[in-house]
Protein backbone atom coordinates (compact mmCIF):
# COMPACT_ATOMS: atom_id res chain seq x y z
CA MET A 1 167.79 67.44 13.92
CA PRO A 2 164.66 65.82 15.41
CA ARG A 3 164.73 62.07 15.76
CA VAL A 4 162.31 60.12 13.56
CA ALA A 5 160.47 57.30 15.23
CA PRO A 6 160.53 54.01 13.32
CA ALA A 7 157.29 52.60 11.94
CA ARG A 8 155.46 50.07 14.08
CA ALA A 9 153.67 47.03 12.73
CA SER A 10 150.63 47.99 14.84
CA ASP A 11 150.40 51.41 13.11
CA PRO A 12 149.88 51.05 9.36
CA PHE A 13 150.51 54.77 8.78
CA CYS A 14 154.08 56.03 8.85
CA PRO A 15 154.58 59.57 7.53
CA VAL A 16 158.12 58.85 6.33
CA TYR A 17 157.38 55.61 4.48
CA ASP A 18 154.07 56.86 3.12
CA ALA A 19 155.57 60.16 1.92
CA ILE A 20 158.38 58.27 0.20
CA ALA A 21 155.83 55.94 -1.41
CA VAL A 22 153.99 58.96 -2.85
CA LEU A 23 157.07 60.89 -3.94
CA GLN A 24 158.92 57.97 -5.52
CA GLY A 25 156.12 57.42 -8.02
CA LYS A 26 157.40 57.62 -11.57
CA TRP A 27 157.51 61.24 -12.80
CA THR A 28 156.16 62.66 -9.52
CA MET A 29 159.17 64.76 -8.58
CA GLN A 30 159.64 65.94 -12.19
CA ILE A 31 156.02 67.12 -12.22
CA VAL A 32 156.39 68.94 -8.89
CA HIS A 33 159.70 70.46 -10.04
CA ALA A 34 158.13 71.77 -13.25
CA LEU A 35 155.09 73.21 -11.47
CA ILE A 36 157.24 75.16 -9.01
CA GLU A 37 157.57 77.64 -11.90
CA GLY A 38 153.79 78.11 -11.92
CA PRO A 39 150.60 76.58 -13.37
CA MET A 40 150.87 74.65 -16.64
CA GLY A 41 148.55 72.95 -19.07
CA PHE A 42 148.89 69.23 -19.82
CA ASN A 43 150.91 69.63 -23.04
CA GLU A 44 153.11 72.34 -21.56
CA LEU A 45 153.83 70.10 -18.58
CA ALA A 46 154.55 67.13 -20.85
CA ARG A 47 157.12 69.22 -22.74
CA ALA A 48 158.64 70.55 -19.51
CA ILE A 49 159.32 67.10 -18.07
CA GLY A 50 160.02 65.37 -21.41
CA GLY A 51 159.82 61.66 -22.19
CA CYS A 52 156.68 60.80 -20.25
CA ASN A 53 153.98 58.81 -22.02
CA PRO A 54 150.74 60.90 -22.11
CA SER A 55 148.66 58.19 -20.42
CA THR A 56 151.27 57.81 -17.67
CA LEU A 57 151.33 61.57 -17.19
CA ALA A 58 147.52 61.67 -16.98
CA GLN A 59 147.55 58.89 -14.36
CA ARG A 60 150.24 60.62 -12.26
CA LEU A 61 148.40 63.95 -12.45
CA ASP A 62 145.13 62.30 -11.36
CA THR A 63 146.88 60.60 -8.44
CA LEU A 64 148.57 63.82 -7.33
CA VAL A 65 145.26 65.71 -7.54
CA ARG A 66 143.57 63.00 -5.41
CA LEU A 67 146.41 63.30 -2.87
CA ASP A 68 145.95 67.11 -2.80
CA VAL A 69 149.51 67.73 -4.02
CA LEU A 70 148.16 69.32 -7.22
CA ALA A 71 145.05 71.28 -8.14
CA ARG A 72 143.29 70.95 -11.49
CA ARG A 73 141.45 73.97 -12.88
CA VAL A 74 139.49 73.95 -16.12
CA GLU A 75 139.40 77.34 -17.82
CA SER A 76 136.25 78.08 -19.76
CA SER A 77 137.82 79.03 -23.05
CA THR A 78 137.48 77.65 -26.54
CA PRO A 79 138.79 75.00 -26.47
CA PRO A 80 138.66 74.45 -22.70
CA ARG A 81 142.09 74.43 -21.09
CA THR A 82 143.04 72.42 -18.02
CA LEU A 83 145.71 73.93 -15.79
CA TYR A 84 147.63 72.11 -13.09
CA SER A 85 149.24 73.89 -10.15
CA LEU A 86 150.72 73.06 -6.78
CA THR A 87 148.42 73.15 -3.77
CA PRO A 88 149.81 74.41 -0.45
CA ALA A 89 150.79 70.78 0.28
CA GLY A 90 152.55 70.57 -3.09
CA ASP A 91 154.25 73.91 -2.58
CA ALA A 92 155.54 72.62 0.77
CA LEU A 93 157.72 70.27 -1.34
CA ARG A 94 159.65 73.26 -2.74
CA PRO A 95 162.45 73.05 -0.12
CA VAL A 96 162.64 69.28 -0.69
CA VAL A 97 163.16 69.82 -4.44
CA VAL A 98 165.74 72.55 -3.76
CA ALA A 99 167.57 70.27 -1.30
CA ILE A 100 167.63 67.42 -3.85
CA GLU A 101 168.94 69.79 -6.51
CA GLN A 102 171.68 71.08 -4.20
CA TRP A 103 172.64 67.54 -3.17
CA GLY A 104 172.85 66.50 -6.82
CA GLN A 105 175.04 69.48 -7.68
CA GLN A 106 177.38 68.77 -4.77
CA HIS A 107 177.58 64.98 -4.88
CA LEU A 108 176.81 63.66 -8.34
CA ARG A 109 179.27 63.67 -11.19
CA LYS A 110 177.66 64.07 -14.60
CA ASP A 111 179.89 61.48 -16.28
CA ARG A 112 179.01 58.81 -13.68
CA VAL A 113 175.28 59.49 -13.90
CA GLN A 114 175.42 59.31 -17.69
CA ALA A 115 177.32 56.00 -17.52
CA VAL A 116 174.70 54.54 -15.15
CA ARG A 117 171.88 55.73 -17.46
CA ARG A 118 173.60 54.16 -20.50
CA ALA A 119 174.04 50.86 -18.64
CA ALA A 120 170.38 50.84 -17.58
CA ARG A 121 169.23 51.61 -21.14
CA THR A 122 171.44 48.83 -22.53
CA ALA A 123 170.05 46.37 -19.97
CA ARG A 124 166.44 47.35 -20.83
CA GLU A 125 167.13 46.95 -24.54
CA ALA A 126 168.75 43.54 -23.96
CA ARG A 127 165.70 42.34 -21.99
CA ALA A 128 163.33 43.63 -24.69
CA SER A 129 165.08 41.76 -27.51
């Protein structure tokens, strides 16, 4: 495996850190994962990823379009329909998504993940009250 050079303070761009910063954005990987199946409209995408606030989804989609990970196409129909799809840069994430899926299947136990999710939800609810 090729060696990755560490980031230098004199070079503000680091492909590893900057790629992670883009991909760790809330809902980003779920959006990319859903669009691997093909283009989707906003509501279809919202249903596919589930649980994302519409304004958050709109913001993430706009960001990913600006970063050239996604393409937005407006179909001239009545009413107009906006479709989102992966660009070649977005489609290049396909093996990353597959690798994450395979890692999760091999190394994560469903009961442990569910317990962590429950604990996080309980902590959020405690902070909110």
